[in-house]
C-alpha atoms as a PDB file:
ATOM      1  CA  MET A   1     -15.378   3.044  -8.149  1.00  0.00           C
ATOM      2  CA  SER A   2     -16.209   5.906  -9.851  1.00  0.00           C
ATOM      3  CA  ASN A   3     -13.488   7.388 -12.321  1.00  0.00           C
ATOM      4  CA  PRO A   4     -11.394   4.321 -12.889  1.00  0.00           C
ATOM      5  CA  LEU A   5      -7.935   4.550 -13.713  1.00  0.00           C
ATOM      6  CA  LYS A   6      -6.443   2.393 -17.171  1.00  0.00           C
ATOM      7  CA  PRO A   7      -4.148  -0.101 -15.994  1.00  0.00           C
ATOM      8  CA  ALA A   8      -1.820   1.219 -18.742  1.00  0.00           C
ATOM      9  CA  GLU A   9      -1.889   4.588 -16.554  1.00  0.00           C
ATOM     10  CA  SER A  10       0.543   2.903 -13.988  1.00  0.00           C
ATOM     11  CA  LEU A  11       3.322   2.378 -16.789  1.00  0.00           C
ATOM     12  CA  SER A  12       5.446   4.475 -18.683  1.00  0.00           C
ATOM     13  CA  ASN A  13       5.052   3.974 -22.898  1.00  0.00           C
ATOM     14  CA  GLU A  14       8.476   2.540 -22.379  1.00  0.00           C
ATOM     15  CA  ALA A  15       7.946   0.221 -19.875  1.00  0.00           C
ATOM     16  CA  PHE A  16       4.796  -0.919 -21.442  1.00  0.00           C
ATOM     17  CA  ALA A  17       6.085  -1.651 -24.328  1.00  0.00           C
ATOM     18  CA  TYR A  18       9.415  -3.342 -22.572  1.00  0.00           C
ATOM     19  CA  TYR A  19       6.742  -5.854 -20.843  1.00  0.00           C
ATOM     20  CA  GLU A  20       4.317  -6.205 -23.896  1.00  0.00           C
ATOM     21  CA  GLN A  21       7.820  -8.179 -25.593  1.00  0.00           C
ATOM     22  CA  GLY A  22       6.631 -11.593 -23.384  1.00  0.00           C
ATOM     23  CA  GLN A  23      10.311 -11.624 -21.850  1.00  0.00           C
ATOM     24  CA  GLU A  24       8.886 -11.441 -18.139  1.00  0.00           C
ATOM     25  CA  ALA A  25       7.767 -14.767 -18.074  1.00  0.00           C
ATOM     26  CA  GLN A  26      11.020 -16.526 -18.562  1.00  0.00           C
ATOM     27  CA  ARG A  27      13.252 -13.712 -16.597  1.00  0.00           C
ATOM     28  CA  LEU A  28      13.639 -15.177 -13.835  1.00  0.00           C
ATOM     29  CA  LEU A  29      14.983 -18.285 -15.182  1.00  0.00           C
ATOM     30  CA  GLN A  30      17.509 -17.103 -16.717  1.00  0.00           C
ATOM     31  CA  SER A  31      21.096 -16.805 -14.737  1.00  0.00           C
ATOM     32  CA  GLN A  32      22.954 -14.197 -16.748  1.00  0.00           C
ATOM     33  CA  LYS A  33      20.386 -11.742 -14.842  1.00  0.00           C
ATOM     34  CA  LEU A  34      20.511 -13.192 -11.915  1.00  0.00           C
ATOM     35  CA  GLY A  35      16.659 -14.269 -12.037  1.00  0.00           C
ATOM     36  CA  PRO A  36      17.226 -17.601 -10.373  1.00  0.00           C
ATOM     37  CA  LEU A  37      18.627 -16.478  -7.079  1.00  0.00           C
ATOM     38  CA  GLU A  38      15.755 -13.623  -7.356  1.00  0.00           C
ATOM     39  CA  LEU A  39      13.529 -16.097  -7.372  1.00  0.00           C
ATOM     40  CA  ILE A  40      14.621 -18.528  -5.007  1.00  0.00           C
ATOM     41  CA  ARG A  41      15.434 -15.945  -1.777  1.00  0.00           C
ATOM     42  CA  THR A  42      11.840 -14.325  -2.889  1.00  0.00           C
ATOM     43  CA  GLN A  43      10.130 -17.700  -2.092  1.00  0.00           C
ATOM     44  CA  GLU A  44      12.485 -18.038   0.697  1.00  0.00           C
ATOM     45  CA  LEU A  45      11.170 -14.365   1.994  1.00  0.00           C
ATOM     46  CA  LEU A  46       7.275 -15.360   1.681  1.00  0.00           C
ATOM     47  CA  THR A  47       7.814 -18.689   2.769  1.00  0.00           C
ATOM     48  CA  ARG A  48       9.387 -17.042   6.006  1.00  0.00           C
ATOM     49  CA  TYR A  49       6.858 -14.572   6.909  1.00  0.00           C
ATOM     50  CA  LEU A  50       3.655 -15.273   5.178  1.00  0.00           C
ATOM     51  CA  PRO A  51       0.731 -16.545   7.184  1.00  0.00           C
ATOM     52  CA  ASP A  52      -0.383 -19.944   6.594  1.00  0.00           C
ATOM     53  CA  PRO A  53      -2.475 -21.003   3.653  1.00  0.00           C
ATOM     54  CA  PRO A  54      -5.459 -20.553   3.537  1.00  0.00           C
ATOM     55  CA  ALA A  55      -4.888 -16.645   3.733  1.00  0.00           C
ATOM     56  CA  VAL A  56      -6.365 -14.934   1.099  1.00  0.00           C
ATOM     57  CA  ILE A  57      -3.338 -12.968  -0.951  1.00  0.00           C
ATOM     58  CA  PHE A  58      -3.234 -10.008  -3.600  1.00  0.00           C
ATOM     59  CA  ASP A  59      -0.306 -10.470  -6.059  1.00  0.00           C
ATOM     60  CA  VAL A  60      -0.645  -6.764  -7.217  1.00  0.00           C
ATOM     61  CA  GLY A  61       1.187  -6.525 -10.218  1.00  0.00           C
ATOM     62  CA  GLY A  62       1.822  -9.772 -10.222  1.00  0.00           C
ATOM     63  CA  GLY A  63       3.020 -10.398 -13.989  1.00  0.00           C
ATOM     64  CA  SER A  64       2.277 -13.770 -15.521  1.00  0.00           C
ATOM     65  CA  GLY A  65       2.111 -15.102 -11.837  1.00  0.00           C
ATOM     66  CA  ILE A  66       5.140 -17.471 -11.624  1.00  0.00           C
ATOM     67  CA  TYR A  67       4.957 -16.437  -7.572  1.00  0.00           C
ATOM     68  CA  ALA A  68       1.035 -16.216  -7.966  1.00  0.00           C
ATOM     69  CA  CYS A  69       1.034 -20.026  -9.136  1.00  0.00           C
ATOM     70  CA  TRP A  70       3.240 -21.436  -6.490  1.00  0.00           C
ATOM     71  CA  LEU A  71       1.471 -20.026  -3.895  1.00  0.00           C
ATOM     72  CA  ALA A  72      -1.514 -21.608  -4.800  1.00  0.00           C
ATOM     73  CA  GLN A  73      -0.522 -24.759  -5.289  1.00  0.00           C
ATOM     74  CA  GLN A  74       0.639 -24.305  -1.137  1.00  0.00           C
ATOM     75  CA  GLY A  75      -3.199 -23.847  -0.445  1.00  0.00           C
ATOM     76  CA  TYR A  76      -3.365 -20.062  -0.935  1.00  0.00           C
ATOM     77  CA  GLU A  77      -6.215 -18.458  -1.926  1.00  0.00           C
ATOM     78  CA  VAL A  78      -4.499 -16.302  -4.698  1.00  0.00           C
ATOM     79  CA  HIS A  79      -5.800 -12.683  -6.643  1.00  0.00           C
ATOM     80  CA  LEU A  80      -3.625 -11.833  -9.066  1.00  0.00           C
ATOM     81  CA  VAL A  81      -3.950  -8.022 -10.978  1.00  0.00           C
ATOM     82  CA  ASP A  82      -1.619  -6.666 -12.926  1.00  0.00           C
ATOM     83  CA  ALA A  83      -1.767  -3.421 -15.945  1.00  0.00           C
ATOM     84  CA  VAL A  84      -0.393  -5.414 -18.947  1.00  0.00           C
ATOM     85  CA  PRO A  85      -2.830  -7.416 -20.862  1.00  0.00           C
ATOM     86  CA  LEU A  86      -0.228 -10.385 -21.663  1.00  0.00           C
ATOM     87  CA  HIS A  87       0.936 -10.816 -18.552  1.00  0.00           C
ATOM     88  CA  VAL A  88      -3.087 -11.316 -17.536  1.00  0.00           C
ATOM     89  CA  GLU A  89      -3.044 -13.573 -20.274  1.00  0.00           C
ATOM     90  CA  GLN A  90      -0.029 -15.704 -19.395  1.00  0.00           C
ATOM     91  CA  ALA A  91      -1.167 -15.936 -15.561  1.00  0.00           C
ATOM     92  CA  ARG A  92      -4.473 -16.882 -16.838  1.00  0.00           C
ATOM     93  CA  ALA A  93      -3.261 -19.835 -18.650  1.00  0.00           C
ATOM     94  CA  ALA A  94      -0.826 -20.581 -15.830  1.00  0.00           C
ATOM     95  CA  SER A  95      -3.417 -20.410 -13.643  1.00  0.00           C
ATOM     96  CA  GLN A  96      -5.503 -22.730 -15.970  1.00  0.00           C
ATOM     97  CA  ALA A  97      -2.729 -24.942 -16.432  1.00  0.00           C
ATOM     98  CA  GLN A  98      -3.167 -25.910 -12.289  1.00  0.00           C
ATOM     99  CA  LEU A  99      -6.051 -27.681 -12.677  1.00  0.00           C
ATOM    100  CA  ASP A 100      -6.100 -28.578  -8.925  1.00  0.00           C
ATOM    101  CA  ARG A 101      -5.308 -24.969  -7.520  1.00  0.00           C
ATOM    102  CA  PRO A 102      -6.083 -22.595 -10.046  1.00  0.00           C
ATOM    103  CA  LEU A 103      -5.981 -18.690  -8.977  1.00  0.00           C
ATOM    104  CA  ALA A 104      -8.578 -17.562  -7.359  1.00  0.00           C
ATOM    105  CA  SER A 105      -8.830 -14.646 -10.044  1.00  0.00           C
ATOM    106  CA  VAL A 106      -6.660 -12.769 -12.473  1.00  0.00           C
ATOM    107  CA  SER A 107      -7.744  -9.870 -13.671  1.00  0.00           C
ATOM    108  CA  LEU A 108      -6.064  -6.566 -15.464  1.00  0.00           C
ATOM    109  CA  GLY A 109      -6.074  -3.570 -12.960  1.00  0.00           C
ATOM    110  CA  ASP A 110      -3.958  -0.770 -11.153  1.00  0.00           C
ATOM    111  CA  SER A 111      -1.836  -0.983  -8.358  1.00  0.00           C
ATOM    112  CA  ARG A 112      -3.060   2.725  -7.422  1.00  0.00           C
ATOM    113  CA  GLN A 113      -6.883   1.864  -7.328  1.00  0.00           C
ATOM    114  CA  LEU A 114      -7.766  -1.722  -6.666  1.00  0.00           C
ATOM    115  CA  ASP A 115     -11.234  -3.249  -7.290  1.00  0.00           C
ATOM    116  CA  ARG A 116     -11.251  -4.614  -3.771  1.00  0.00           C
ATOM    117  CA  ALA A 117     -13.228  -4.153  -0.151  1.00  0.00           C
ATOM    118  CA  ASP A 118     -11.429  -2.833   2.609  1.00  0.00           C
ATOM    119  CA  PHE A 119      -9.951  -4.910   4.886  1.00  0.00           C
ATOM    120  CA  SER A 120     -10.225  -8.019   2.987  1.00  0.00           C
ATOM    121  CA  VAL A 121      -7.273  -9.404   2.368  1.00  0.00           C
ATOM    122  CA  ASP A 122      -4.402 -10.694   4.660  1.00  0.00           C
ATOM    123  CA  VAL A 123      -1.212 -10.061   2.168  1.00  0.00           C
ATOM    124  CA  VAL A 124      -0.899  -7.744  -0.608  1.00  0.00           C
ATOM    125  CA  LEU A 125       2.299  -8.665  -2.516  1.00  0.00           C
ATOM    126  CA  LEU A 126       3.460  -5.408  -4.495  1.00  0.00           C
ATOM    127  CA  MET A 127       6.649  -6.826  -5.895  1.00  0.00           C
ATOM    128  CA  GLY A 128       6.523  -4.453  -9.284  1.00  0.00           C
ATOM    129  CA  PRO A 129       4.637  -1.748  -9.426  1.00  0.00           C
ATOM    130  CA  LEU A 130       6.855   0.555  -6.817  1.00  0.00           C
ATOM    131  CA  TYR A 131      10.000   0.648  -9.228  1.00  0.00           C
ATOM    132  CA  HIS A 132       7.634   1.408 -12.229  1.00  0.00           C
ATOM    133  CA  LEU A 133       5.690   4.247 -10.594  1.00  0.00           C
ATOM    134  CA  ILE A 134       8.147   6.738 -11.093  1.00  0.00           C
ATOM    135  CA  ASP A 135       6.632   9.535  -9.596  1.00  0.00           C
ATOM    136  CA  ARG A 136       6.619   9.390  -5.238  1.00  0.00           C
ATOM    137  CA  ARG A 137       2.802  10.112  -4.992  1.00  0.00           C
ATOM    138  CA  ASP A 138       1.953   7.740  -6.724  1.00  0.00           C
ATOM    139  CA  ARG A 139       4.176   4.787  -5.018  1.00  0.00           C
ATOM    140  CA  VAL A 140       2.687   6.023  -1.506  1.00  0.00           C
ATOM    141  CA  THR A 141      -0.957   6.373  -3.617  1.00  0.00           C
ATOM    142  CA  ALA A 142      -0.634   2.484  -4.428  1.00  0.00           C
ATOM    143  CA  LEU A 143       0.958   1.449  -0.658  1.00  0.00           C
ATOM    144  CA  ARG A 144      -2.021   3.172   0.786  1.00  0.00           C
ATOM    145  CA  GLU A 145      -4.671   1.096  -1.446  1.00  0.00           C
ATOM    146  CA  ALA A 146      -2.600  -2.259  -0.076  1.00  0.00           C
ATOM    147  CA  TYR A 147      -2.954  -0.628   3.767  1.00  0.00           C
ATOM    148  CA  ARG A 148      -6.881   0.000   2.515  1.00  0.00           C
ATOM    149  CA  ILE A 149      -7.832  -3.730   1.739  1.00  0.00           C
ATOM    150  CA  LEU A 150      -5.272  -5.475   4.425  1.00  0.00           C
ATOM    151  CA  LYS A 151      -6.928  -6.812   7.502  1.00  0.00           C
ATOM    152  CA  LEU A 152      -5.462  -5.170  10.204  1.00  0.00           C
ATOM    153  CA  ASP A 153      -2.376  -7.005  11.259  1.00  0.00           C
ATOM    154  CA  GLY A 154      -2.012  -8.090   7.433  1.00  0.00           C
ATOM    155  CA  LEU A 155       0.844  -8.069   5.604  1.00  0.00           C
ATOM    156  CA  ILE A 156       2.457  -6.450   2.660  1.00  0.00           C
ATOM    157  CA  PHE A 157       5.630  -7.602   0.822  1.00  0.00           C
ATOM    158  CA  ALA A 158       6.464  -4.718  -0.963  1.00  0.00           C
ATOM    159  CA  VAL A 159       9.814  -4.986  -3.421  1.00  0.00           C
ATOM    160  CA  GLY A 160      12.242  -1.918  -4.756  1.00  0.00           C
ATOM    161  CA  VAL A 161      15.050  -2.118  -6.907  1.00  0.00           C
ATOM    162  CA  SER A 162      18.009  -0.486  -5.698  1.00  0.00           C
ATOM    163  CA  ARG A 163      19.672   2.828  -6.270  1.00  0.00           C
ATOM    164  CA  PHE A 164      22.835   1.272  -6.494  1.00  0.00           C
ATOM    165  CA  ALA A 165      21.525  -1.734  -9.617  1.00  0.00           C
ATOM    166  CA  SER A 166      22.934  -0.452 -12.224  1.00  0.00           C
ATOM    167  CA  VAL A 167      26.268   0.358 -10.858  1.00  0.00           C
ATOM    168  CA  LEU A 168      26.445  -3.453  -9.798  1.00  0.00           C
ATOM    169  CA  GLY A 169      25.116  -4.941 -12.708  1.00  0.00           C
ATOM    170  CA  GLY A 170      26.817  -2.583 -14.829  1.00  0.00           C
ATOM    171  CA  LEU A 171      30.440  -3.924 -13.215  1.00  0.00           C
ATOM    172  CA  ARG A 172      29.494  -7.716 -13.340  1.00  0.00           C
ATOM    173  CA  ARG A 173      28.402  -7.431 -17.136  1.00  0.00           C
ATOM    174  CA  GLY A 174      31.121  -5.153 -18.373  1.00  0.00           C
ATOM    175  CA  HIS A 175      28.729  -2.482 -19.443  1.00  0.00           C
ATOM    176  CA  PHE A 176      31.224   0.284 -18.110  1.00  0.00           C
ATOM    177  CA  ASP A 177      32.797   0.577 -21.746  1.00  0.00           C
ATOM    178  CA  ASP A 178      29.407   2.239 -23.137  1.00  0.00           C
ATOM    179  CA  PRO A 179      29.542   6.171 -22.240  1.00  0.00           C
ATOM    180  CA  THR A 180      25.360   6.014 -22.818  1.00  0.00           C
ATOM    181  CA  PHE A 181      25.319   3.483 -19.929  1.00  0.00           C
ATOM    182  CA  VAL A 182      27.604   5.464 -17.763  1.00  0.00           C
ATOM    183  CA  LYS A 183      25.306   8.458 -18.029  1.00  0.00           C
ATOM    184  CA  ILE A 184      22.219   6.322 -17.219  1.00  0.00           C
ATOM    185  CA  VAL A 185      24.579   5.437 -13.844  1.00  0.00           C
ATOM    186  CA  GLN A 186      24.870   9.023 -12.900  1.00  0.00           C
ATOM    187  CA  GLN A 187      21.128   9.505 -13.716  1.00  0.00           C
ATOM    188  CA  ASP A 188      20.384   6.622 -11.061  1.00  0.00           C
ATOM    189  CA  LEU A 189      22.466   8.151  -8.648  1.00  0.00           C
ATOM    190  CA  SER A 190      21.342  11.125  -8.815  1.00  0.00           C
ATOM    191  CA  ASP A 191      18.044  11.325  -8.236  1.00  0.00           C
ATOM    192  CA  GLY A 192      17.173   7.690  -8.571  1.00  0.00           C
ATOM    193  CA  GLN A 193      15.108   8.233 -12.343  1.00  0.00           C
ATOM    194  CA  HIS A 194      16.065   5.207 -14.429  1.00  0.00           C
ATOM    195  CA  ARG A 195      16.087   5.843 -17.980  1.00  0.00           C
ATOM    196  CA  ASN A 196      17.215   3.778 -20.883  1.00  0.00           C
ATOM    197  CA  PRO A 197      17.071   6.886 -23.896  1.00  0.00           C
ATOM    198  CA  ASP A 198      18.048   3.983 -26.692  1.00  0.00           C
ATOM    199  CA  ASN A 199      16.083   1.215 -25.740  1.00  0.00           C
ATOM    200  CA  HIS A 200      19.345  -1.030 -25.255  1.00  0.00           C
ATOM    201  CA  PRO A 201      18.114  -4.064 -24.287  1.00  0.00           C
ATOM    202  CA  ALA A 202      19.982  -5.136 -21.923  1.00  0.00           C
ATOM    203  CA  TYR A 203      19.403  -1.627 -19.943  1.00  0.00           C
ATOM    204  CA  PHE A 204      15.954  -2.632 -18.427  1.00  0.00           C
ATOM    205  CA  THR A 205      13.719  -0.130 -19.297  1.00  0.00           C
ATOM    206  CA  THR A 206      11.654   3.623 -17.304  1.00  0.00           C
ATOM    207  CA  ALA A 207      11.806   2.935 -13.760  1.00  0.00           C
ATOM    208  CA  PHE A 208      12.179   4.157 -10.367  1.00  0.00           C
ATOM    209  CA  PHE A 209      15.653   3.405  -8.072  1.00  0.00           C
ATOM    210  CA  HIS A 210      15.160   3.191  -4.312  1.00  0.00           C
ATOM    211  CA  HIS A 211      17.633   4.319  -1.588  1.00  0.00           C
ATOM    212  CA  PRO A 212      16.740   2.070   1.349  1.00  0.00           C
ATOM    213  CA  GLU A 213      15.592   4.580   3.264  1.00  0.00           C
ATOM    214  CA  GLU A 214      13.302   5.897   0.717  1.00  0.00           C
ATOM    215  CA  LEU A 215      11.696   2.944   0.702  1.00  0.00           C
ATOM    216  CA  ARG A 216      11.842   2.724   4.542  1.00  0.00           C
ATOM    217  CA  GLU A 217       9.725   6.258   3.795  1.00  0.00           C
ATOM    218  CA  GLU A 218       7.131   5.369   1.540  1.00  0.00           C
ATOM    219  CA  ILE A 219       6.091   2.320   3.844  1.00  0.00           C
ATOM    220  CA  ALA A 220       6.074   4.263   6.683  1.00  0.00           C
ATOM    221  CA  GLU A 221       4.357   7.220   4.977  1.00  0.00           C
ATOM    222  CA  ALA A 222       1.765   4.822   3.876  1.00  0.00           C
ATOM    223  CA  GLY A 223       0.528   4.217   7.278  1.00  0.00           C
ATOM    224  CA  PHE A 224       2.606   0.686   8.074  1.00  0.00           C
ATOM    225  CA  SER A 225       4.380   0.056  10.750  1.00  0.00           C
ATOM    226  CA  ASN A 226       7.037  -3.048  12.387  1.00  0.00           C
ATOM    227  CA  GLU A 227       8.952  -2.984   8.768  1.00  0.00           C
ATOM    228  CA  LYS A 228      11.613  -5.047   8.005  1.00  0.00           C
ATOM    229  CA  LEU A 229      14.368  -4.094   5.099  1.00  0.00           C
ATOM    230  CA  LEU A 230      15.767  -7.496   3.429  1.00  0.00           C
ATOM    231  CA  ALA A 231      18.311  -7.487   0.266  1.00  0.00           C
ATOM    232  CA  ILE A 232      16.963 -10.051  -2.030  1.00  0.00           C
ATOM    233  CA  GLN A 233      19.989 -10.836  -3.768  1.00  0.00           C
ATOM    234  CA  GLY A 234      22.303  -9.175  -1.940  1.00  0.00           C
ATOM    235  CA  LEU A 235      26.165 -10.287  -2.421  1.00  0.00           C
ATOM    236  CA  GLY A 236      24.832 -12.163  -5.614  1.00  0.00           C
ATOM    237  CA  ALA A 237      25.008  -9.055  -7.359  1.00  0.00           C
ATOM    238  CA  VAL A 238      28.406  -8.235  -7.416  1.00  0.00           C
ATOM    239  CA  LEU A 239      29.648 -11.817  -8.708  1.00  0.00           C
ATOM    240  CA  PRO A 240      31.040 -11.434 -11.930  1.00  0.00           C
ATOM    241  CA  ASN A 241      31.097 -15.602 -12.049  1.00  0.00           C
ATOM    242  CA  PHE A 242      27.741 -15.780 -10.900  1.00  0.00           C
ATOM    243  CA  GLU A 243      27.108 -18.368 -13.284  1.00  0.00           C
ATOM    244  CA  GLU A 244      30.049 -21.064 -11.632  1.00  0.00           C
ATOM    245  CA  HIS A 245      28.615 -20.596  -8.043  1.00  0.00           C
ATOM    246  CA  TRP A 246      24.979 -20.994  -9.296  1.00  0.00           C
ATOM    247  CA  SER A 247      25.805 -24.408 -11.067  1.00  0.00           C
ATOM    248  CA  ASP A 248      27.934 -25.741  -8.289  1.00  0.00           C
ATOM    249  CA  THR A 249      25.791 -26.984  -5.581  1.00  0.00           C
ATOM    250  CA  GLY A 250      28.034 -26.067  -2.641  1.00  0.00           C
ATOM    251  CA  ARG A 251      28.694 -23.136  -3.500  1.00  0.00           C
ATOM    252  CA  ARG A 252      25.212 -21.854  -4.051  1.00  0.00           C
ATOM    253  CA  GLU A 253      24.659 -23.060  -0.633  1.00  0.00           C
ATOM    254  CA  ARG A 254      26.892 -21.014   0.641  1.00  0.00           C
ATOM    255  CA  LEU A 255      26.576 -17.856  -1.845  1.00  0.00           C
ATOM    256  CA  LEU A 256      22.748 -17.940  -0.112  1.00  0.00           C
ATOM    257  CA  GLN A 257      24.291 -18.273   3.287  1.00  0.00           C
ATOM    258  CA  ALA A 258      25.799 -15.374   3.357  1.00  0.00           C
ATOM    259  CA  ILE A 259      23.377 -13.482   1.705  1.00  0.00           C
ATOM    260  CA  ARG A 260      21.077 -14.117   4.770  1.00  0.00           C
ATOM    261  CA  TRP A 261      23.880 -13.334   7.180  1.00  0.00           C
ATOM    262  CA  LEU A 262      24.185 -10.078   5.468  1.00  0.00           C
ATOM    263  CA  GLU A 263      20.160  -9.510   4.618  1.00  0.00           C
ATOM    264  CA  ALA A 264      19.264  -7.348   7.270  1.00  0.00           C
ATOM    265  CA  GLU A 265      22.725  -5.300   7.375  1.00  0.00           C
ATOM    266  CA  PRO A 266      22.238  -1.711   7.272  1.00  0.00           C
ATOM    267  CA  SER A 267      25.337  -1.217   5.589  1.00  0.00           C
ATOM    268  CA  THR A 268      25.508  -3.200   2.817  1.00  0.00           C
ATOM    269  CA  LEU A 269      21.317  -2.966   2.450  1.00  0.00           C
ATOM    270  CA  GLY A 270      22.048  -0.996  -1.156  1.00  0.00           C
ATOM    271  CA  VAL A 271      24.528  -4.308  -2.363  1.00  0.00           C
ATOM    272  CA  THR A 272      21.676  -5.779  -3.768  1.00  0.00           C
ATOM    273  CA  SER A 273      19.402  -5.522  -6.647  1.00  0.00           C
ATOM    274  CA  HIS A 274      16.057  -5.866  -5.144  1.00  0.00           C
ATOM    275  CA  MET A 275      15.185  -5.230  -1.588  1.00  0.00           C
ATOM    276  CA  MET A 276      11.703  -6.200   0.013  1.00  0.00           C
ATOM    277  CA  ALA A 277       9.833  -4.381   2.672  1.00  0.00           C
ATOM    278  CA  ILE A 278       7.824  -6.563   5.177  1.00  0.00           C
ATOM    279  CA  ALA A 279       5.411  -4.470   6.807  1.00  0.00           C
ATOM    280  CA  GLN A 280       2.140  -4.816   9.014  1.00  0.00           C
ATOM    281  CA  LYS A 281      -1.357  -2.481   9.114  1.00  0.00           C
ATOM    282  CA  ARG A 282      -1.841  -1.762  12.695  1.00  0.00           C
END
């Protein structure tokens, strides 16, 4: 393609530095950050709505490859693209460890300008880029790129961070005693522009947090239809004793069932850390 964008340009300097620390590969295993709940719920939603293998999946912003490798093991043809060189290295290593079912490709790339032909994939996963593209035009551009490479009737799975994630996480972890955190929350609620001026390790990095209706509007603006919007962590985002629920098999299943019951309820959709839009190219 002409005039290619540099992959790092899709991330702020703060976000790029944040991910170059290498913590993303372990994040979904950390119960204090609801990682296992996010992992299981994301896998659950993908399993529910994905077409059967060997569909072609383009995992854009796929990080260290935790979802891509899991899907490749099920027989999908998975191509991973990420803007962070460290993530690309980690994904390649994880792919090479799967001798029987490696990823079809792993490459450095930008969600706004994908090196893939029109109408060439069955599914696009966009499970990270939308909350690191802080300008609406860039987010819609990334969604339109996903639309471009999808086959007719192809599916996009696009994840946003909830506008209310800092409020929920702050209450759960007791951060409201910190005046800096209070200012972060106020900014989040005002316009969704999340900033961490002191680079506090518990307060995430530069990002955009969606109101549910904003995510719906951006998906529609890119041309998609038949959209569903579902909470990923749902009520788990407000549990102060999440680890206790998660370590007990019975309580864990009751929590998951409660999340499923309310996952699409409009009046509670913001009560989650992440939400997933599932939509189709017509």
